[in-house]
């Protein structure tokens, strides 16, 4: 039977089991042979990472043609504007092509764990939080999209992939479930 691991990837951890000396990798947290990441999260992004022991399931989760929604909370620099949210929702022209439309909403600051290391704060520049759901997974896409509308991402936390949610898992914790 196919199994999934729901892992809350901490900031600074590579989405792979091996790395250079000194790198923190999945192997520092998960000792389950035969499991592989279904998708990726950047080293400086946090949150839900799915791992599976089923190659076909891995492909269905990670390949953008299957349209699995990935939901993120993004803390951005500046007070987000309605116009920026409208642009995010419509899709944007990036260097590697136009993004698909996505769900995007300004939200109140969520209750999250302390990030290690903390984000950089500027005394006189406010921050805002967004909830975004994308159905594609280009390299650093959320960060590039928010920067393109003038609000660089300071912190990025994935909270859901399709029907699987982060829930109460704390950084470094994981849970095995049936797919």
N, C-alpha and C. Protein backbone atom coordinates (compact mmCIF):
# COMPACT_ATOMS: atom_id res chain seq x y z
N UNK A 1 0.84 -1.18 0.00
CA UNK A 1 0.00 0.00 0.00
C UNK A 1 0.88 1.25 0.00
N UNK A 2 0.43 2.25 -0.74
CA UNK A 2 1.16 3.51 -0.81
C UNK A 2 1.08 4.23 0.52
N UNK A 3 2.21 4.78 0.94
CA UNK A 3 2.29 5.56 2.17
C UNK A 3 2.79 6.95 1.83
N UNK A 4 2.37 7.89 2.66
CA UNK A 4 2.83 9.28 2.55
C UNK A 4 3.38 9.72 3.89
N UNK A 5 4.42 10.50 3.83
CA UNK A 5 4.92 11.19 5.02
C UNK A 5 4.63 12.67 4.84
N UNK A 6 3.93 13.24 5.81
CA UNK A 6 3.70 14.68 5.86
C UNK A 6 4.77 15.24 6.80
N UNK A 7 5.64 16.06 6.27
CA UNK A 7 6.79 16.57 7.01
C UNK A 7 6.74 18.08 7.05
N UNK A 8 6.94 18.66 8.23
CA UNK A 8 7.06 20.11 8.36
C UNK A 8 8.54 20.46 8.24
N UNK A 9 8.94 20.83 7.02
CA UNK A 9 10.33 21.12 6.73
C UNK A 9 10.73 22.46 7.35
N UNK A 10 11.72 22.44 8.22
CA UNK A 10 12.20 23.70 8.79
C UNK A 10 12.98 24.53 7.75
N UNK A 11 13.06 25.81 8.00
CA UNK A 11 13.90 26.69 7.19
C UNK A 11 15.35 26.19 7.27
N UNK A 12 16.05 26.23 6.15
CA UNK A 12 17.46 25.84 6.12
C UNK A 12 17.72 24.39 5.81
N UNK A 13 16.67 23.60 5.63
CA UNK A 13 16.83 22.18 5.32
C UNK A 13 16.65 21.96 3.82
N UNK A 14 17.57 21.19 3.23
CA UNK A 14 17.47 20.87 1.81
C UNK A 14 16.40 19.80 1.60
N UNK A 15 15.69 19.87 0.48
CA UNK A 15 14.65 18.89 0.15
C UNK A 15 15.27 17.70 -0.57
N UNK A 16 16.23 17.09 0.07
CA UNK A 16 16.90 15.90 -0.44
C UNK A 16 17.56 15.20 0.73
N UNK A 17 17.97 13.94 0.50
CA UNK A 17 18.53 13.16 1.60
C UNK A 17 20.04 13.27 1.72
N UNK A 18 20.69 13.85 0.73
CA UNK A 18 22.14 14.03 0.80
C UNK A 18 22.49 15.48 0.50
N UNK A 19 23.66 15.89 0.94
CA UNK A 19 24.11 17.26 0.69
C UNK A 19 25.59 17.36 0.96
N UNK A 20 26.08 18.55 0.93
CA UNK A 20 27.48 18.82 1.23
C UNK A 20 27.68 18.75 2.74
N UNK A 21 28.91 18.53 3.19
CA UNK A 21 29.15 18.54 4.64
C UNK A 21 28.63 19.83 5.27
N UNK A 22 27.91 19.70 6.37
CA UNK A 22 27.34 20.85 7.06
C UNK A 22 25.92 21.18 6.64
N UNK A 23 25.46 20.63 5.50
CA UNK A 23 24.08 20.87 5.08
C UNK A 23 23.12 20.06 5.95
N UNK A 24 21.98 20.67 6.25
CA UNK A 24 20.90 19.92 6.90
C UNK A 24 20.01 19.37 5.78
N UNK A 25 19.71 18.08 5.85
CA UNK A 25 18.93 17.42 4.80
C UNK A 25 17.77 16.65 5.43
N UNK A 26 16.95 16.06 4.59
CA UNK A 26 15.84 15.23 5.06
C UNK A 26 16.33 14.08 5.93
N UNK A 27 17.54 13.59 5.66
CA UNK A 27 18.10 12.48 6.43
C UNK A 27 18.30 12.84 7.90
N UNK A 28 18.40 14.11 8.21
CA UNK A 28 18.54 14.53 9.61
C UNK A 28 17.23 14.39 10.37
N UNK A 29 16.12 14.17 9.67
CA UNK A 29 14.80 14.12 10.29
C UNK A 29 14.03 12.83 10.04
N UNK A 30 14.25 12.23 8.87
CA UNK A 30 13.42 11.10 8.45
C UNK A 30 14.31 9.89 8.15
N UNK A 31 14.07 8.80 8.86
CA UNK A 31 14.81 7.56 8.65
C UNK A 31 13.84 6.47 8.20
N UNK A 32 13.32 6.66 7.00
CA UNK A 32 12.37 5.70 6.42
C UNK A 32 12.86 5.35 5.02
N UNK A 33 13.46 4.19 4.84
CA UNK A 33 13.98 3.83 3.51
C UNK A 33 12.86 3.73 2.48
N UNK A 34 13.19 4.10 1.24
CA UNK A 34 12.26 3.97 0.15
C UNK A 34 11.31 5.13 -0.05
N UNK A 35 11.46 6.20 0.72
CA UNK A 35 10.60 7.38 0.57
C UNK A 35 11.35 8.49 -0.15
N UNK A 36 10.62 9.18 -1.04
CA UNK A 36 11.22 10.25 -1.83
C UNK A 36 10.26 11.44 -1.83
N UNK A 37 10.83 12.62 -1.91
CA UNK A 37 10.03 13.85 -1.90
C UNK A 37 9.16 13.93 -3.15
N UNK A 38 7.91 14.30 -2.94
CA UNK A 38 6.97 14.55 -4.04
C UNK A 38 6.88 16.06 -4.18
N UNK A 39 7.81 16.63 -4.91
CA UNK A 39 7.91 18.08 -5.04
C UNK A 39 9.07 18.59 -4.21
N UNK A 40 9.21 19.91 -4.21
CA UNK A 40 10.34 20.53 -3.52
C UNK A 40 9.87 21.76 -2.76
N UNK A 41 10.71 22.15 -1.81
CA UNK A 41 10.60 23.45 -1.15
C UNK A 41 12.01 24.01 -1.11
N UNK A 42 12.14 25.28 -1.41
CA UNK A 42 13.46 25.93 -1.34
C UNK A 42 14.05 25.78 0.05
N UNK A 43 15.36 25.89 0.12
CA UNK A 43 16.06 25.78 1.41
C UNK A 43 15.51 26.77 2.43
N UNK A 44 15.18 28.00 1.99
CA UNK A 44 14.72 29.00 2.94
C UNK A 44 13.20 29.06 3.06
N UNK A 45 12.49 28.10 2.47
CA UNK A 45 11.04 27.99 2.66
C UNK A 45 10.76 26.92 3.70
N UNK A 46 9.59 27.00 4.29
CA UNK A 46 9.21 26.10 5.39
C UNK A 46 7.88 25.44 5.06
N UNK A 47 7.55 24.43 5.88
CA UNK A 47 6.21 23.90 5.82
C UNK A 47 6.10 22.53 5.20
N UNK A 48 4.91 22.25 4.69
CA UNK A 48 4.53 20.91 4.27
C UNK A 48 5.32 20.41 3.08
N UNK A 49 5.99 19.29 3.30
CA UNK A 49 6.65 18.55 2.25
C UNK A 49 6.10 17.14 2.31
N UNK A 50 5.66 16.63 1.16
CA UNK A 50 5.16 15.26 1.10
C UNK A 50 6.26 14.35 0.58
N UNK A 51 6.38 13.19 1.20
CA UNK A 51 7.29 12.15 0.73
C UNK A 51 6.46 10.89 0.57
N UNK A 52 6.77 10.08 -0.43
CA UNK A 52 6.02 8.86 -0.65
C UNK A 52 6.93 7.72 -1.06
N UNK A 53 6.43 6.50 -0.90
CA UNK A 53 7.14 5.30 -1.32
C UNK A 53 6.58 4.78 -2.64
N UNK A 54 5.74 5.56 -3.32
CA UNK A 54 5.06 5.16 -4.55
C UNK A 54 5.42 6.15 -5.66
N UNK A 55 6.17 5.68 -6.66
CA UNK A 55 6.62 6.55 -7.74
C UNK A 55 5.48 7.17 -8.54
N UNK A 56 4.41 6.41 -8.77
CA UNK A 56 3.28 6.97 -9.54
C UNK A 56 2.57 8.06 -8.74
N UNK A 57 2.42 7.83 -7.44
CA UNK A 57 1.81 8.86 -6.59
C UNK A 57 2.70 10.10 -6.55
N UNK A 58 4.00 9.90 -6.45
CA UNK A 58 4.95 11.02 -6.44
C UNK A 58 4.74 11.87 -7.70
N UNK A 59 4.58 11.23 -8.85
CA UNK A 59 4.38 11.93 -10.12
C UNK A 59 3.04 12.68 -10.13
N UNK A 60 1.97 12.04 -9.62
CA UNK A 60 0.65 12.69 -9.60
C UNK A 60 0.64 13.92 -8.70
N UNK A 61 1.42 13.87 -7.63
CA UNK A 61 1.47 15.01 -6.70
C UNK A 61 2.32 16.14 -7.27
N UNK A 62 3.47 15.80 -7.82
CA UNK A 62 4.44 16.85 -8.16
C UNK A 62 4.34 17.39 -9.58
N UNK A 63 3.77 16.64 -10.52
CA UNK A 63 3.72 17.12 -11.90
C UNK A 63 2.60 18.15 -12.07
N UNK A 64 2.93 19.37 -12.54
CA UNK A 64 1.94 20.44 -12.65
C UNK A 64 0.75 20.09 -13.56
N UNK A 65 0.92 19.16 -14.47
CA UNK A 65 -0.19 18.85 -15.39
C UNK A 65 -1.39 18.23 -14.65
N UNK A 66 -1.15 17.74 -13.43
CA UNK A 66 -2.23 17.17 -12.64
C UNK A 66 -2.98 18.23 -11.83
N UNK A 67 -2.49 19.47 -11.83
CA UNK A 67 -3.20 20.60 -11.25
C UNK A 67 -3.46 20.53 -9.75
N UNK A 68 -2.58 19.87 -9.01
CA UNK A 68 -2.75 19.79 -7.56
C UNK A 68 -2.45 21.15 -6.95
N UNK A 69 -3.38 21.69 -6.20
CA UNK A 69 -3.19 22.99 -5.56
C UNK A 69 -2.18 22.92 -4.43
N UNK A 70 -1.33 23.91 -4.36
CA UNK A 70 -0.35 24.04 -3.27
C UNK A 70 -0.62 25.39 -2.62
N UNK A 71 -0.89 25.37 -1.31
CA UNK A 71 -1.28 26.58 -0.61
C UNK A 71 -0.16 27.05 0.30
N UNK A 72 0.12 28.34 0.22
CA UNK A 72 1.23 28.97 0.95
C UNK A 72 0.74 30.16 1.75
N UNK A 73 1.43 30.42 2.85
CA UNK A 73 1.32 31.68 3.57
C UNK A 73 2.62 32.43 3.29
N UNK A 74 2.50 33.65 2.81
CA UNK A 74 3.69 34.44 2.47
C UNK A 74 3.65 35.75 3.23
N UNK A 75 4.73 36.02 3.94
CA UNK A 75 4.91 37.32 4.57
C UNK A 75 5.72 38.16 3.60
N UNK A 76 5.17 39.30 3.22
CA UNK A 76 5.82 40.14 2.24
C UNK A 76 6.19 41.49 2.82
N UNK A 77 7.16 42.12 2.20
CA UNK A 77 7.60 43.44 2.64
C UNK A 77 6.65 44.48 2.07
N UNK A 78 6.11 45.33 2.96
CA UNK A 78 5.21 46.40 2.53
C UNK A 78 3.77 46.06 2.82
N UNK A 79 2.91 47.07 2.73
CA UNK A 79 1.47 46.90 2.92
C UNK A 79 0.87 46.53 1.57
N UNK A 80 0.50 45.29 1.42
CA UNK A 80 0.04 44.75 0.13
C UNK A 80 -1.16 45.55 -0.39
N UNK A 81 -1.17 45.81 -1.67
CA UNK A 81 -2.24 46.59 -2.29
C UNK A 81 -3.27 45.69 -2.96
N UNK A 82 -4.47 46.20 -3.13
CA UNK A 82 -5.52 45.47 -3.85
C UNK A 82 -5.08 45.21 -5.29
N UNK A 83 -4.38 46.16 -5.89
CA UNK A 83 -3.91 45.99 -7.26
C UNK A 83 -2.92 44.83 -7.37
N UNK A 84 -2.01 44.73 -6.41
CA UNK A 84 -1.05 43.62 -6.42
C UNK A 84 -1.78 42.27 -6.30
N UNK A 85 -2.77 42.21 -5.44
CA UNK A 85 -3.54 40.97 -5.29
C UNK A 85 -4.28 40.64 -6.59
N UNK A 86 -4.85 41.65 -7.23
CA UNK A 86 -5.53 41.43 -8.51
C UNK A 86 -4.57 40.86 -9.55
N UNK A 87 -3.36 41.41 -9.61
CA UNK A 87 -2.37 40.92 -10.57
C UNK A 87 -1.97 39.47 -10.26
N UNK A 88 -1.78 39.16 -8.99
CA UNK A 88 -1.44 37.78 -8.61
C UNK A 88 -2.54 36.82 -9.04
N UNK A 89 -3.79 37.21 -8.82
CA UNK A 89 -4.92 36.36 -9.17
C UNK A 89 -5.02 36.11 -10.67
N UNK A 90 -4.68 37.11 -11.47
CA UNK A 90 -4.80 36.99 -12.92
C UNK A 90 -3.66 36.20 -13.55
N UNK A 91 -2.55 36.09 -12.86
CA UNK A 91 -1.35 35.51 -13.47
C UNK A 91 -0.44 36.63 -13.92
N UNK A 92 0.85 36.34 -13.92
CA UNK A 92 1.86 37.35 -14.21
C UNK A 92 2.81 36.86 -15.29
N UNK A 93 3.39 37.81 -15.98
CA UNK A 93 4.44 37.48 -16.94
C UNK A 93 5.77 37.48 -16.19
N UNK A 94 6.40 36.31 -16.08
CA UNK A 94 7.73 36.18 -15.49
C UNK A 94 8.73 35.87 -16.60
N UNK A 95 10.00 35.82 -16.29
CA UNK A 95 11.02 35.57 -17.32
C UNK A 95 10.82 34.24 -18.02
N UNK A 96 10.24 33.24 -17.31
CA UNK A 96 10.04 31.93 -17.91
C UNK A 96 8.61 31.72 -18.41
N UNK A 97 7.86 32.81 -18.61
CA UNK A 97 6.52 32.72 -19.17
C UNK A 97 5.46 33.21 -18.20
N UNK A 98 4.23 33.16 -18.67
CA UNK A 98 3.09 33.63 -17.88
C UNK A 98 2.69 32.55 -16.87
N UNK A 99 2.41 33.00 -15.64
CA UNK A 99 1.95 32.07 -14.61
C UNK A 99 0.45 31.84 -14.79
N UNK A 100 -0.01 30.71 -14.30
CA UNK A 100 -1.45 30.46 -14.27
C UNK A 100 -2.09 31.39 -13.24
N UNK A 101 -3.36 31.71 -13.42
CA UNK A 101 -4.05 32.46 -12.37
C UNK A 101 -3.99 31.65 -11.07
N UNK A 102 -4.01 32.34 -9.94
CA UNK A 102 -3.97 31.66 -8.65
C UNK A 102 -4.96 32.32 -7.70
N UNK A 103 -5.21 31.65 -6.60
CA UNK A 103 -6.00 32.26 -5.54
C UNK A 103 -5.03 33.09 -4.70
N UNK A 104 -5.42 34.29 -4.37
CA UNK A 104 -4.56 35.17 -3.57
C UNK A 104 -5.44 36.08 -2.73
N UNK A 105 -5.14 36.11 -1.44
CA UNK A 105 -5.89 36.96 -0.52
C UNK A 105 -4.96 37.50 0.55
N UNK A 106 -5.20 38.75 0.95
CA UNK A 106 -4.50 39.30 2.11
C UNK A 106 -5.16 38.69 3.35
N UNK A 107 -4.33 38.33 4.34
CA UNK A 107 -4.85 37.73 5.57
C UNK A 107 -4.21 38.41 6.78
N UNK A 108 -4.81 38.20 7.93
CA UNK A 108 -4.21 38.67 9.17
C UNK A 108 -2.98 37.80 9.46
N UNK A 109 -2.09 38.33 10.27
CA UNK A 109 -0.88 37.57 10.61
C UNK A 109 -1.28 36.23 11.24
N UNK A 110 -0.81 35.12 10.65
CA UNK A 110 -1.20 33.80 11.18
C UNK A 110 -0.40 33.46 12.43
N UNK A 111 -0.90 32.50 13.17
CA UNK A 111 -0.20 32.01 14.36
C UNK A 111 0.74 30.89 13.91
N UNK A 112 2.02 31.19 13.84
CA UNK A 112 3.04 30.24 13.39
C UNK A 112 4.14 30.14 14.44
N UNK A 113 4.96 29.15 14.30
CA UNK A 113 6.15 28.98 15.11
C UNK A 113 7.16 30.07 14.77
N UNK A 114 8.12 30.29 15.67
CA UNK A 114 9.21 31.23 15.40
C UNK A 114 10.11 30.66 14.32
N UNK A 115 10.44 31.46 13.37
CA UNK A 115 11.33 31.00 12.30
C UNK A 115 12.77 31.12 12.77
N UNK A 116 13.56 30.10 12.45
CA UNK A 116 15.00 30.12 12.74
C UNK A 116 15.76 29.94 11.43
N UNK A 117 16.55 30.89 11.00
CA UNK A 117 16.76 32.21 11.61
C UNK A 117 15.58 33.13 11.35
N UNK A 118 15.42 34.16 12.18
CA UNK A 118 14.31 35.10 11.98
C UNK A 118 14.46 35.84 10.65
N UNK A 119 13.33 36.32 10.11
CA UNK A 119 13.40 37.13 8.89
C UNK A 119 14.01 38.48 9.23
N UNK A 120 14.44 39.18 8.20
CA UNK A 120 14.97 40.53 8.43
C UNK A 120 13.80 41.51 8.48
N UNK A 121 13.81 42.34 9.49
CA UNK A 121 12.79 43.37 9.63
C UNK A 121 13.41 44.72 9.38
N UNK A 122 12.67 45.60 8.74
CA UNK A 122 13.09 46.99 8.59
C UNK A 122 12.14 47.82 9.44
N UNK A 123 12.72 48.62 10.28
CA UNK A 123 11.96 49.37 11.29
C UNK A 123 10.80 50.16 10.71
N UNK A 124 10.99 50.78 9.57
CA UNK A 124 10.00 51.72 9.04
C UNK A 124 9.21 51.15 7.85
N UNK A 125 9.34 49.85 7.60
CA UNK A 125 8.60 49.23 6.50
C UNK A 125 7.71 48.13 7.07
N UNK A 126 6.39 48.26 6.89
CA UNK A 126 5.49 47.24 7.42
C UNK A 126 5.60 45.94 6.61
N UNK A 127 5.01 44.88 7.15
CA UNK A 127 4.90 43.63 6.40
C UNK A 127 3.43 43.26 6.31
N UNK A 128 3.11 42.41 5.35
CA UNK A 128 1.75 41.91 5.14
C UNK A 128 1.82 40.41 4.95
N UNK A 129 0.68 39.75 5.14
CA UNK A 129 0.58 38.30 4.92
C UNK A 129 -0.43 38.03 3.81
N UNK A 130 -0.08 37.06 2.99
CA UNK A 130 -0.94 36.60 1.90
C UNK A 130 -1.15 35.10 2.04
N UNK A 131 -2.29 34.63 1.56
CA UNK A 131 -2.54 33.21 1.38
C UNK A 131 -2.70 32.99 -0.11
N UNK A 132 -1.84 32.14 -0.67
CA UNK A 132 -1.83 31.91 -2.11
C UNK A 132 -1.98 30.42 -2.39
N UNK A 133 -2.77 30.09 -3.41
CA UNK A 133 -2.87 28.70 -3.86
C UNK A 133 -2.53 28.67 -5.34
N UNK A 134 -1.49 27.91 -5.67
CA UNK A 134 -1.01 27.77 -7.04
C UNK A 134 -1.25 26.35 -7.52
N UNK A 135 -1.38 26.19 -8.85
CA UNK A 135 -1.53 24.85 -9.42
C UNK A 135 -0.36 24.50 -10.33
N UNK A 136 0.71 25.23 -10.19
CA UNK A 136 1.94 24.90 -10.90
C UNK A 136 3.08 25.05 -9.92
N UNK A 137 4.26 24.63 -10.28
CA UNK A 137 5.35 24.67 -9.31
C UNK A 137 6.67 25.06 -9.92
N UNK A 138 6.74 26.23 -10.47
CA UNK A 138 8.01 26.70 -11.03
C UNK A 138 8.99 27.01 -9.90
N UNK A 139 10.25 27.04 -10.25
CA UNK A 139 11.31 27.33 -9.29
C UNK A 139 11.09 28.70 -8.65
N UNK A 140 10.99 28.70 -7.32
CA UNK A 140 10.84 29.92 -6.52
C UNK A 140 9.68 30.80 -7.01
N UNK A 141 8.61 30.16 -7.45
CA UNK A 141 7.52 30.88 -8.11
C UNK A 141 6.83 31.91 -7.22
N UNK A 142 6.46 31.55 -6.00
CA UNK A 142 5.77 32.51 -5.14
C UNK A 142 6.67 33.71 -4.90
N UNK A 143 7.93 33.47 -4.61
CA UNK A 143 8.87 34.57 -4.36
C UNK A 143 8.99 35.49 -5.58
N UNK A 144 9.06 34.89 -6.76
CA UNK A 144 9.19 35.69 -7.98
C UNK A 144 7.90 36.46 -8.28
N UNK A 145 6.75 35.85 -7.98
CA UNK A 145 5.48 36.52 -8.23
C UNK A 145 5.29 37.72 -7.31
N UNK A 146 5.55 37.54 -6.02
CA UNK A 146 5.35 38.67 -5.11
C UNK A 146 6.35 39.79 -5.41
N UNK A 147 7.56 39.43 -5.78
CA UNK A 147 8.55 40.46 -6.15
C UNK A 147 8.10 41.20 -7.41
N UNK A 148 7.50 40.49 -8.36
CA UNK A 148 7.06 41.11 -9.62
C UNK A 148 5.97 42.14 -9.40
N UNK A 149 5.19 42.00 -8.33
CA UNK A 149 4.15 43.00 -8.04
C UNK A 149 4.61 44.00 -6.99
N UNK A 150 5.90 43.97 -6.65
CA UNK A 150 6.49 44.99 -5.78
C UNK A 150 6.49 44.69 -4.30
N UNK A 151 6.25 43.42 -3.92
CA UNK A 151 6.21 43.05 -2.51
C UNK A 151 7.04 41.79 -2.29
N UNK A 152 8.35 41.94 -2.08
CA UNK A 152 9.23 40.77 -1.93
C UNK A 152 8.83 39.89 -0.75
N UNK A 153 8.94 38.59 -0.93
CA UNK A 153 8.62 37.63 0.12
C UNK A 153 9.74 37.59 1.15
N UNK A 154 9.36 37.68 2.42
CA UNK A 154 10.30 37.58 3.53
C UNK A 154 10.26 36.19 4.17
N UNK A 155 9.06 35.60 4.19
CA UNK A 155 8.88 34.27 4.79
C UNK A 155 7.83 33.53 3.97
N UNK A 156 8.10 32.25 3.71
CA UNK A 156 7.18 31.45 2.91
C UNK A 156 6.96 30.10 3.58
N UNK A 157 5.69 29.79 3.86
CA UNK A 157 5.32 28.57 4.56
C UNK A 157 4.23 27.86 3.75
N UNK A 158 4.53 26.63 3.29
CA UNK A 158 3.49 25.86 2.59
C UNK A 158 2.65 25.15 3.64
N UNK A 159 1.33 25.31 3.54
CA UNK A 159 0.44 24.73 4.53
C UNK A 159 -0.41 23.59 3.99
N UNK A 160 -0.46 23.43 2.65
CA UNK A 160 -1.26 22.35 2.08
C UNK A 160 -0.77 22.00 0.69
N UNK A 161 -0.93 20.72 0.34
CA UNK A 161 -0.72 20.22 -1.01
C UNK A 161 -1.94 19.35 -1.30
N UNK A 162 -2.78 19.83 -2.23
CA UNK A 162 -4.01 19.13 -2.57
C UNK A 162 -4.82 18.90 -1.30
N UNK A 163 -5.15 17.68 -0.95
CA UNK A 163 -5.99 17.39 0.22
C UNK A 163 -5.19 17.24 1.51
N UNK A 164 -3.87 17.23 1.42
CA UNK A 164 -3.03 17.03 2.60
C UNK A 164 -2.65 18.37 3.21
N UNK A 165 -2.82 18.48 4.54
CA UNK A 165 -2.55 19.74 5.22
C UNK A 165 -1.49 19.57 6.30
N UNK A 166 -0.80 20.66 6.59
CA UNK A 166 0.25 20.67 7.60
C UNK A 166 -0.31 20.40 9.00
N UNK A 167 -1.48 20.95 9.26
CA UNK A 167 -2.10 20.75 10.57
C UNK A 167 -1.24 21.28 11.70
N UNK A 168 -1.11 20.51 12.77
CA UNK A 168 -0.38 20.95 13.96
C UNK A 168 1.08 20.50 13.99
N UNK A 169 1.58 19.93 12.89
CA UNK A 169 2.98 19.49 12.89
C UNK A 169 3.91 20.68 13.12
N UNK A 170 4.83 20.52 14.01
CA UNK A 170 5.83 21.56 14.28
C UNK A 170 7.06 21.32 13.40
N UNK A 171 7.92 22.33 13.22
CA UNK A 171 9.10 22.15 12.38
C UNK A 171 9.91 20.92 12.80
N UNK A 172 10.23 20.08 11.81
CA UNK A 172 11.00 18.87 12.04
C UNK A 172 10.14 17.65 12.36
N UNK A 173 8.86 17.84 12.62
CA UNK A 173 7.98 16.71 12.90
C UNK A 173 7.40 16.15 11.61
N UNK A 174 7.09 14.84 11.63
CA UNK A 174 6.45 14.22 10.48
C UNK A 174 5.44 13.19 10.94
N UNK A 175 4.54 12.86 10.02
CA UNK A 175 3.46 11.93 10.29
C UNK A 175 3.30 11.04 9.07
N UNK A 176 3.21 9.72 9.26
CA UNK A 176 2.99 8.80 8.15
C UNK A 176 1.50 8.49 8.05
N UNK A 177 0.97 8.57 6.81
CA UNK A 177 -0.44 8.29 6.57
C UNK A 177 -0.58 7.40 5.35
N UNK A 178 -1.73 6.74 5.22
CA UNK A 178 -2.04 6.02 3.99
C UNK A 178 -2.43 7.04 2.95
N UNK A 179 -2.05 6.78 1.69
CA UNK A 179 -2.40 7.73 0.64
C UNK A 179 -3.84 7.52 0.26
